[in-house]
Amino acid sequence: MAGQTNITRRLLVMAAPALLCGTGWLPRPVLAQSSATPTTIVLSRLANVPDQRVGGEILREVYARLNIKLDFIDVEAKRALALSNAGETDGEIQRIANISKDYPALIQLPTPINYIEPTVFTTTLKFDVQGWESIKNYQIGIVRGVGSSEAGTSGMPHVQRATSLTDLVQMLDHDRFDLLVTDLFSGQVEIKKQKLESRIAPLLPPLSRIYVYHYLHESHRALVPSVEAVIEDMTKSGELEQLRAKLVNETLQQIG
């Protein structure tokens, strides 16, 4: 990606997508290497967002079962979508449903790979959290471009945006707004990193639980059925949830 990343290769145009799709069959769970199968996929990853790292490691296992190596480019949330939609990266680790309406070059895989729980974090405020409507009259901080936060606070009058979760937590610590909203797990990780557990805490329950989906650029349309098949199999077997729990626990323990 000239001037923006150190990606030094671009994937060859797939030679036979029509043939693969037309048969209605692709090997499960391992996709045989061919001229239509990339050896490496590069995904946009939101910088300094712990839940993106969990999703990325889940997908690393998914793609390993297809004999495909996974790499990541760490960028801020809005930039990530611009890059993947333009084909500068091969897709998104995880995003909320239906972003294809705004980014039509991205294909949403049907089975969610992860979930996020948007949660209120505050320094001193205490109130009964009852969904998004219960925070609308407060000054709110969110990370710019994070779809769940953007959608949940849409139309609210006092929303400030930071370029990263690290910045967002620091802004709350400096009383730039009343509360911040981010994924529960990601918020807990960042607060522990900054050693602010005595200063900032979550207000539970979470605002909601939102399932998130893997997206591939349309140039990899022929790969979608095989990736989806692995995700679906791991979900049905319980492997995906077990892997998620393991990654979340490991992350929090490493910081602690």
Protein backbone atom coordinates (compact mmCIF):
# COMPACT_ATOMS: atom_id res chain seq x y z
CA MET A 1 0.00 0.00 0.00
CA ALA A 2 1.97 2.90 -1.33
CA GLY A 3 2.76 5.52 1.28
CA GLN A 4 0.45 3.98 3.82
CA THR A 5 1.57 0.47 4.74
CA ASN A 6 4.41 -1.92 4.20
CA ILE A 7 2.33 -4.40 2.25
CA THR A 8 4.65 -5.55 -0.48
CA ARG A 9 2.42 -7.94 -2.31
CA ARG A 10 -1.01 -7.94 -3.82
CA LEU A 11 -2.95 -11.11 -4.42
CA LEU A 12 -3.34 -12.41 -7.98
CA VAL A 13 -6.77 -12.14 -9.56
CA MET A 14 -8.62 -15.37 -8.89
CA ALA A 15 -8.61 -17.51 -12.00
CA ALA A 16 -11.73 -19.62 -11.66
CA PRO A 17 -14.35 -18.29 -9.21
CA ALA A 18 -17.23 -19.22 -11.48
CA LEU A 19 -16.07 -22.84 -11.64
CA LEU A 20 -15.74 -23.14 -7.85
CA CYS A 21 -19.07 -21.49 -7.12
CA GLY A 22 -20.88 -23.36 -9.89
CA THR A 23 -20.09 -26.80 -8.48
CA GLY A 24 -21.70 -25.91 -5.16
CA TRP A 25 -18.91 -27.83 -3.42
CA LEU A 26 -15.77 -26.81 -1.60
CA PRO A 27 -13.66 -29.09 0.63
CA ARG A 28 -14.34 -29.03 4.38
CA PRO A 29 -12.55 -28.20 6.53
CA VAL A 30 -9.37 -27.82 4.44
CA LEU A 31 -9.32 -25.99 1.13
CA ALA A 32 -6.77 -27.44 -1.29
CA GLN A 33 -4.25 -24.91 -2.55
CA SER A 34 -4.86 -23.81 -6.13
CA SER A 35 -4.42 -20.78 -8.33
CA ALA A 36 -7.69 -19.47 -6.90
CA THR A 37 -6.58 -19.80 -3.28
CA PRO A 38 -4.41 -17.09 -1.72
CA THR A 39 -1.57 -18.22 0.51
CA THR A 40 -1.89 -15.12 2.71
CA ILE A 41 -4.80 -12.88 3.69
CA VAL A 42 -4.15 -9.41 5.14
CA LEU A 43 -6.94 -7.94 7.26
CA SER A 44 -7.50 -4.47 8.66
CA ARG A 45 -7.26 -4.55 12.46
CA LEU A 46 -8.36 -1.69 14.71
CA ALA A 47 -5.27 -0.42 16.50
CA ASN A 48 -5.20 -0.81 20.29
CA VAL A 49 -8.64 -2.45 20.49
CA PRO A 50 -8.17 -5.69 22.48
CA ASP A 51 -11.33 -7.34 21.20
CA GLN A 52 -10.00 -6.99 17.67
CA ARG A 53 -6.98 -9.03 18.71
CA VAL A 54 -9.26 -11.75 20.10
CA GLY A 55 -11.23 -11.80 16.86
CA GLY A 56 -8.00 -11.84 14.88
CA GLU A 57 -6.68 -14.88 16.75
CA ILE A 58 -10.00 -16.67 16.26
CA LEU A 59 -9.67 -16.06 12.52
CA ARG A 60 -6.04 -17.13 12.55
CA GLU A 61 -7.27 -20.59 13.61
CA VAL A 62 -10.06 -20.50 11.01
CA TYR A 63 -7.69 -19.69 8.15
CA ALA A 64 -5.06 -22.14 9.39
CA ARG A 65 -7.60 -24.90 8.72
CA LEU A 66 -7.67 -23.69 5.11
CA ASN A 67 -3.86 -23.62 4.92
CA ILE A 68 -3.92 -19.82 4.61
CA LYS A 69 -1.65 -17.52 6.60
CA LEU A 70 -3.23 -14.47 8.24
CA ASP A 71 -1.57 -11.07 8.65
CA PHE A 72 -2.89 -7.78 10.01
CA ILE A 73 -2.49 -4.06 9.36
CA ASP A 74 -3.19 -1.97 12.48
CA VAL A 75 -5.02 1.28 11.71
CA GLU A 76 -7.71 3.46 13.27
CA ALA A 77 -11.31 2.33 12.85
CA LYS A 78 -12.51 4.62 10.07
CA ARG A 79 -9.32 4.22 8.05
CA ALA A 80 -9.58 0.43 8.36
CA LEU A 81 -12.90 0.39 6.52
CA ALA A 82 -11.62 2.71 3.81
CA LEU A 83 -8.66 0.42 3.16
CA SER A 84 -10.61 -2.83 3.11
CA ASN A 85 -13.43 -1.44 0.98
CA ALA A 86 -10.87 -0.21 -1.55
CA GLY A 87 -9.14 -3.59 -1.63
CA GLU A 88 -5.96 -2.22 -0.07
CA THR A 89 -6.44 -4.91 2.57
CA ASP A 90 -8.36 -8.14 2.08
CA GLY A 91 -11.11 -7.50 4.61
CA GLU A 92 -12.11 -6.76 8.19
CA ILE A 93 -11.57 -9.02 11.20
CA GLN A 94 -14.98 -8.26 12.67
CA ARG A 95 -17.65 -5.62 12.33
CA ILE A 96 -21.32 -5.28 13.16
CA ALA A 97 -23.88 -6.59 10.70
CA ASN A 98 -24.87 -4.83 7.51
CA ILE A 99 -21.95 -2.45 7.03
CA SER A 100 -21.96 -3.58 3.39
CA LYS A 101 -24.68 -1.03 2.71
CA ASP A 102 -22.11 1.70 3.28
CA TYR A 103 -19.09 -0.32 2.11
CA PRO A 104 -20.43 -2.33 -0.83
CA ALA A 105 -17.13 -4.00 -1.72
CA LEU A 106 -17.17 -5.91 1.59
CA ILE A 107 -18.92 -9.28 1.89
CA GLN A 108 -20.35 -10.21 5.29
CA LEU A 109 -19.94 -13.87 6.22
CA PRO A 110 -23.20 -15.21 7.69
CA THR A 111 -22.06 -16.74 11.00
CA PRO A 112 -20.80 -14.36 13.71
CA ILE A 113 -17.27 -15.00 14.96
CA ASN A 114 -17.44 -12.98 18.16
CA TYR A 115 -19.60 -10.62 20.17
CA ILE A 116 -19.08 -7.31 21.88
CA GLU A 117 -20.88 -5.85 24.86
CA PRO A 118 -20.96 -2.04 24.66
CA THR A 119 -20.64 -0.86 28.24
CA VAL A 120 -20.61 2.41 30.15
CA PHE A 121 -17.39 3.30 31.99
CA THR A 122 -17.28 6.23 34.43
CA THR A 123 -15.14 7.75 37.13
CA THR A 124 -17.73 8.78 39.72
CA LEU A 125 -21.17 8.54 38.10
CA LYS A 126 -23.57 5.90 39.34
CA PHE A 127 -26.93 5.35 37.68
CA ASP A 128 -29.22 2.54 36.53
CA VAL A 129 -28.11 1.47 33.05
CA GLN A 130 -31.13 0.46 30.98
CA GLY A 131 -29.98 0.44 27.38
CA TRP A 132 -28.74 3.25 25.17
CA GLU A 133 -31.59 5.62 25.99
CA SER A 134 -30.41 5.78 29.61
CA ILE A 135 -27.19 7.61 28.61
CA LYS A 136 -28.51 10.08 26.04
CA ASN A 137 -28.43 13.12 28.36
CA TYR A 138 -24.80 12.64 29.40
CA GLN A 139 -21.60 13.81 27.73
CA ILE A 140 -20.35 10.66 26.02
CA GLY A 141 -16.99 9.63 24.61
CA ILE A 142 -16.59 6.96 21.92
CA VAL A 143 -13.89 5.75 19.52
CA ARG A 144 -14.46 7.25 16.08
CA GLY A 145 -15.55 4.71 13.48
CA VAL A 146 -16.50 1.89 15.85
CA GLY A 147 -19.84 0.88 14.37
CA SER A 148 -21.59 -0.25 17.54
CA SER A 149 -20.75 2.96 19.40
CA GLU A 150 -21.58 5.18 16.42
CA ALA A 151 -24.94 3.46 15.93
CA GLY A 152 -25.84 3.34 19.62
CA THR A 153 -25.18 7.04 20.17
CA SER A 154 -26.61 8.22 16.84
CA GLY A 155 -28.67 11.38 17.33
CA MET A 156 -27.46 11.96 20.88
CA PRO A 157 -26.51 15.61 21.45
CA HIS A 158 -23.24 15.37 23.38
CA VAL A 159 -20.90 12.84 21.76
CA GLN A 160 -17.13 13.33 21.52
CA ARG A 161 -14.88 11.07 19.46
CA ALA A 162 -11.33 9.88 20.01
CA THR A 163 -9.10 8.21 17.45
CA SER A 164 -8.20 5.29 19.75
CA LEU A 165 -9.35 3.54 22.90
CA THR A 166 -6.13 4.56 24.62
CA ASP A 167 -6.92 8.22 23.98
CA LEU A 168 -10.56 7.71 24.98
CA VAL A 169 -9.65 6.33 28.41
CA GLN A 170 -7.16 9.14 28.98
CA MET A 171 -9.82 11.71 28.06
CA LEU A 172 -12.23 10.26 30.62
CA ASP A 173 -9.47 10.25 33.23
CA HIS A 174 -9.08 13.99 32.53
CA ASP A 175 -12.86 14.55 32.85
CA ARG A 176 -13.37 15.53 29.21
CA PHE A 177 -16.83 13.93 29.31
CA ASP A 178 -19.14 12.16 31.80
CA LEU A 179 -18.71 8.62 30.55
CA LEU A 180 -17.26 6.57 27.76
CA VAL A 181 -18.75 3.67 25.85
CA THR A 182 -16.66 0.78 24.60
CA ASP A 183 -16.76 -3.00 24.55
CA LEU A 184 -16.64 -4.38 28.12
CA PHE A 185 -13.61 -6.59 27.53
CA SER A 186 -11.66 -3.98 25.57
CA GLY A 187 -12.38 -1.35 28.21
CA GLN A 188 -11.25 -3.61 31.04
CA VAL A 189 -8.01 -4.38 29.23
CA GLU A 190 -7.18 -0.76 28.45
CA ILE A 191 -7.99 0.43 31.97
CA LYS A 192 -5.71 -2.26 33.44
CA LYS A 193 -2.95 -1.27 31.04
CA GLN A 194 -3.18 2.33 32.19
CA LYS A 195 -3.47 1.25 35.86
CA LEU A 196 -6.70 3.16 36.29
CA GLU A 197 -8.84 0.45 37.92
CA SER A 198 -9.24 2.57 41.07
CA ARG A 199 -10.31 5.56 38.99
CA ILE A 200 -12.50 4.13 36.18
CA ALA A 201 -15.01 1.28 36.42
CA PRO A 202 -17.76 -0.24 34.27
CA LEU A 203 -21.43 0.28 35.06
CA LEU A 204 -23.24 -3.02 34.52
CA PRO A 205 -25.18 -4.50 32.87
CA PRO A 206 -23.77 -3.79 29.39
CA LEU A 207 -25.86 -1.61 27.12
CA SER A 208 -26.35 -4.56 24.76
CA ARG A 209 -24.73 -7.65 23.28
CA ILE A 210 -23.88 -7.29 19.61
CA TYR A 211 -22.69 -10.13 17.44
CA VAL A 212 -19.93 -9.26 14.99
CA TYR A 213 -19.07 -10.76 11.63
CA HIS A 214 -16.01 -11.33 9.47
CA TYR A 215 -15.90 -9.41 6.17
CA LEU A 216 -13.89 -10.19 3.03
CA HIS A 217 -13.29 -7.94 0.05
CA GLU A 218 -15.32 -8.93 -3.01
CA SER A 219 -12.14 -10.01 -4.81
CA HIS A 220 -12.22 -13.04 -2.48
CA ARG A 221 -15.82 -14.00 -3.16
CA ALA A 222 -14.79 -17.52 -4.18
CA LEU A 223 -13.14 -18.01 -0.77
CA VAL A 224 -16.24 -17.06 1.25
CA PRO A 225 -17.98 -20.50 1.26
CA SER A 226 -14.89 -22.27 2.59
CA VAL A 227 -14.20 -19.72 5.34
CA GLU A 228 -17.86 -19.72 6.32
CA ALA A 229 -17.89 -23.53 6.46
CA VAL A 230 -15.04 -23.56 9.00
CA ILE A 231 -16.64 -20.83 11.14
CA GLU A 232 -19.95 -22.68 11.11
CA ASP A 233 -18.33 -25.99 12.05
CA MET A 234 -16.35 -24.40 14.91
CA THR A 235 -19.50 -22.69 16.19
CA LYS A 236 -21.58 -25.87 16.16
CA SER A 237 -18.86 -27.88 17.92
CA GLY A 238 -18.39 -25.24 20.63
CA GLU A 239 -14.74 -24.75 19.65
CA LEU A 240 -15.21 -21.11 18.72
CA GLU A 241 -16.73 -20.09 22.08
CA GLN A 242 -14.08 -22.08 23.95
CA LEU A 243 -11.32 -20.37 21.96
CA ARG A 244 -12.83 -16.95 22.61
CA ALA A 245 -13.05 -17.59 26.37
CA LYS A 246 -9.45 -18.81 26.43
CA LEU A 247 -8.17 -15.74 24.56
CA VAL A 248 -10.12 -13.30 26.77
CA ASN A 249 -8.87 -14.93 29.98
CA GLU A 250 -5.28 -15.08 28.76
CA THR A 251 -5.33 -11.42 27.80
CA LEU A 252 -6.66 -10.25 31.16
CA GLN A 253 -4.25 -12.49 33.09
CA GLN A 254 -1.25 -11.30 31.13
CA ILE A 255 -2.06 -7.70 31.99
CA GLY A 256 -2.79 -8.53 35.62
